[in-house]
Amino acid sequence: MAKRKQPFNPFYGALIVVGVAFTVTACAYALMMVRATQPISSDSTLLARETGLMKLLDERGMEILGVEVLLLALATAGAIGLDQYRSHRQVASEESKRL
């Protein structure tokens, strides 16, 4: 008996998107922390030019990383749960066909 192909689990797509976002955020946060430990040069314009992602991470970096970890956990639980649900449903339908 040929195995049927499982339909695509949408939680896997969410895991990829959130995982990439988490990786980029974590790397940028680490870069920001390394830059913060560097000695301050006499040119203070370097600090004034810090805008965009680095400024956002300086102000809300831990919250952003926390939300991304929570989203990763939810997407992981959803992917595992949906796979188990589909597996149990497939086994139940095969058993009902045998009877």
C-alpha atoms as a PDB file:
ATOM      1  CA  MET A   1       0.000   0.000   0.000  1.00  0.00           C
ATOM      2  CA  ALA A   2       1.462   3.341  -1.039  1.00  0.00           C
ATOM      3  CA  LYS A   3       1.832   6.001   1.582  1.00  0.00           C
ATOM      4  CA  ARG A   4      -0.156   9.144   1.010  1.00  0.00           C
ATOM      5  CA  LYS A   5       1.717  12.393   1.011  1.00  0.00           C
ATOM      6  CA  GLN A   6       0.932  14.550   4.038  1.00  0.00           C
ATOM      7  CA  PRO A   7      -0.463  18.001   3.263  1.00  0.00           C
ATOM      8  CA  PHE A   8       1.782  20.975   3.969  1.00  0.00           C
ATOM      9  CA  ASN A   9       1.835  22.056   7.603  1.00  0.00           C
ATOM     10  CA  PRO A  10       1.427  25.869   7.658  1.00  0.00           C
ATOM     11  CA  PHE A  11       3.218  26.058  11.007  1.00  0.00           C
ATOM     12  CA  TYR A  12       6.457  25.047   9.244  1.00  0.00           C
ATOM     13  CA  GLY A  13       6.238  28.186   7.119  1.00  0.00           C
ATOM     14  CA  ALA A  14       5.652  30.256  10.244  1.00  0.00           C
ATOM     15  CA  LEU A  15       8.663  28.602  11.871  1.00  0.00           C
ATOM     16  CA  ILE A  16      10.874  29.544   8.936  1.00  0.00           C
ATOM     17  CA  VAL A  17       9.725  33.178   8.912  1.00  0.00           C
ATOM     18  CA  VAL A  18       9.942  33.654  12.685  1.00  0.00           C
ATOM     19  CA  GLY A  19      13.221  31.721  12.863  1.00  0.00           C
ATOM     20  CA  VAL A  20      14.855  33.952  10.265  1.00  0.00           C
ATOM     21  CA  ALA A  21      13.529  37.074  12.012  1.00  0.00           C
ATOM     22  CA  PHE A  22      14.838  35.800  15.348  1.00  0.00           C
ATOM     23  CA  THR A  23      18.253  35.023  13.859  1.00  0.00           C
ATOM     24  CA  VAL A  24      18.578  38.478  12.313  1.00  0.00           C
ATOM     25  CA  THR A  25      17.416  40.170  15.516  1.00  0.00           C
ATOM     26  CA  ALA A  26      19.737  38.117  17.730  1.00  0.00           C
ATOM     27  CA  CYS A  27      22.743  38.803  15.500  1.00  0.00           C
ATOM     28  CA  ALA A  28      21.966  42.523  15.350  1.00  0.00           C
ATOM     29  CA  TYR A  29      21.489  42.617  19.130  1.00  0.00           C
ATOM     30  CA  ALA A  30      24.831  40.868  19.639  1.00  0.00           C
ATOM     31  CA  LEU A  31      26.488  43.339  17.258  1.00  0.00           C
ATOM     32  CA  MET A  32      24.966  46.217  19.191  1.00  0.00           C
ATOM     33  CA  MET A  33      26.316  44.796  22.454  1.00  0.00           C
ATOM     34  CA  VAL A  34      29.809  44.366  20.987  1.00  0.00           C
ATOM     35  CA  ARG A  35      29.759  47.912  19.660  1.00  0.00           C
ATOM     36  CA  ALA A  36      28.674  49.166  23.092  1.00  0.00           C
ATOM     37  CA  THR A  37      31.739  47.600  24.715  1.00  0.00           C
ATOM     38  CA  GLN A  38      34.148  49.303  22.330  1.00  0.00           C
ATOM     39  CA  PRO A  39      36.003  52.350  23.675  1.00  0.00           C
ATOM     40  CA  ILE A  40      34.296  55.605  22.828  1.00  0.00           C
ATOM     41  CA  SER A  41      36.198  57.588  20.251  1.00  0.00           C
ATOM     42  CA  SER A  42      36.623  61.334  20.430  1.00  0.00           C
ATOM     43  CA  ASP A  43      34.203  61.591  17.528  1.00  0.00           C
ATOM     44  CA  SER A  44      30.828  61.750  19.276  1.00  0.00           C
ATOM     45  CA  THR A  45      28.975  61.916  15.980  1.00  0.00           C
ATOM     46  CA  LEU A  46      29.135  58.119  15.843  1.00  0.00           C
ATOM     47  CA  LEU A  47      26.587  57.883  18.629  1.00  0.00           C
ATOM     48  CA  ALA A  48      24.390  60.569  17.132  1.00  0.00           C
ATOM     49  CA  ARG A  49      24.215  58.708  13.810  1.00  0.00           C
ATOM     50  CA  GLU A  50      22.939  55.501  15.398  1.00  0.00           C
ATOM     51  CA  THR A  51      19.410  55.163  14.069  1.00  0.00           C
ATOM     52  CA  GLY A  52      17.158  52.512  12.654  1.00  0.00           C
ATOM     53  CA  LEU A  53      17.551  48.935  13.798  1.00  0.00           C
ATOM     54  CA  MET A  54      20.322  49.592  16.310  1.00  0.00           C
ATOM     55  CA  LYS A  55      18.346  52.335  18.027  1.00  0.00           C
ATOM     56  CA  LEU A  56      15.246  50.152  18.117  1.00  0.00           C
ATOM     57  CA  LEU A  57      17.213  47.245  19.577  1.00  0.00           C
ATOM     58  CA  ASP A  58      18.801  49.521  22.151  1.00  0.00           C
ATOM     59  CA  GLU A  59      15.366  50.655  23.312  1.00  0.00           C
ATOM     60  CA  ARG A  60      13.272  47.481  22.877  1.00  0.00           C
ATOM     61  CA  GLY A  61      15.670  44.675  22.001  1.00  0.00           C
ATOM     62  CA  MET A  62      14.886  42.336  24.885  1.00  0.00           C
ATOM     63  CA  GLU A  63      11.136  42.689  24.366  1.00  0.00           C
ATOM     64  CA  ILE A  64      11.472  41.961  20.653  1.00  0.00           C
ATOM     65  CA  LEU A  65      13.619  38.882  21.299  1.00  0.00           C
ATOM     66  CA  GLY A  66      11.172  37.698  23.970  1.00  0.00           C
ATOM     67  CA  VAL A  67       8.202  38.009  21.613  1.00  0.00           C
ATOM     68  CA  GLU A  68      10.102  36.172  18.872  1.00  0.00           C
ATOM     69  CA  VAL A  69      11.000  33.335  21.267  1.00  0.00           C
ATOM     70  CA  LEU A  70       7.333  33.119  22.304  1.00  0.00           C
ATOM     71  CA  LEU A  71       6.256  32.999  18.649  1.00  0.00           C
ATOM     72  CA  LEU A  72       8.840  30.283  17.960  1.00  0.00           C
ATOM     73  CA  ALA A  73       7.488  28.252  20.882  1.00  0.00           C
ATOM     74  CA  LEU A  74       3.876  28.649  19.720  1.00  0.00           C
ATOM     75  CA  ALA A  75       4.699  27.771  16.111  1.00  0.00           C
ATOM     76  CA  THR A  76       6.688  24.730  17.257  1.00  0.00           C
ATOM     77  CA  ALA A  77       3.838  23.515  19.460  1.00  0.00           C
ATOM     78  CA  GLY A  78       1.393  24.118  16.612  1.00  0.00           C
ATOM     79  CA  ALA A  79       3.520  22.200  14.105  1.00  0.00           C
ATOM     80  CA  ILE A  80       3.950  19.240  16.457  1.00  0.00           C
ATOM     81  CA  GLY A  81       0.283  19.281  17.441  1.00  0.00           C
ATOM     82  CA  LEU A  82      -0.974  19.411  13.856  1.00  0.00           C
ATOM     83  CA  ASP A  83       1.374  16.603  12.790  1.00  0.00           C
ATOM     84  CA  GLN A  84       0.169  14.422  15.673  1.00  0.00           C
ATOM     85  CA  TYR A  85      -3.473  15.239  14.963  1.00  0.00           C
ATOM     86  CA  ARG A  86      -3.107  14.327  11.302  1.00  0.00           C
ATOM     87  CA  SER A  87      -1.205  11.154  12.177  1.00  0.00           C
ATOM     88  CA  HIS A  88      -3.856   9.998  14.656  1.00  0.00           C
ATOM     89  CA  ARG A  89      -6.630  10.840  12.206  1.00  0.00           C
ATOM     90  CA  GLN A  90      -4.898   8.852   9.455  1.00  0.00           C
ATOM     91  CA  VAL A  91      -4.414   5.834  11.723  1.00  0.00           C
ATOM     92  CA  ALA A  92      -8.050   6.001  12.817  1.00  0.00           C
ATOM     93  CA  SER A  93      -9.304   6.143   9.225  1.00  0.00           C
ATOM     94  CA  GLU A  94      -7.094   3.185   8.240  1.00  0.00           C
ATOM     95  CA  GLU A  95      -8.403   1.158  11.182  1.00  0.00           C
ATOM     96  CA  SER A  96     -12.011   1.959  10.293  1.00  0.00           C
ATOM     97  CA  LYS A  97     -11.365   0.767   6.718  1.00  0.00           C
ATOM     98  CA  ARG A  98     -10.092  -2.567   8.030  1.00  0.00           C
ATOM     99  CA  LEU A  99     -13.304  -3.160   9.995  1.00  0.00           C
END
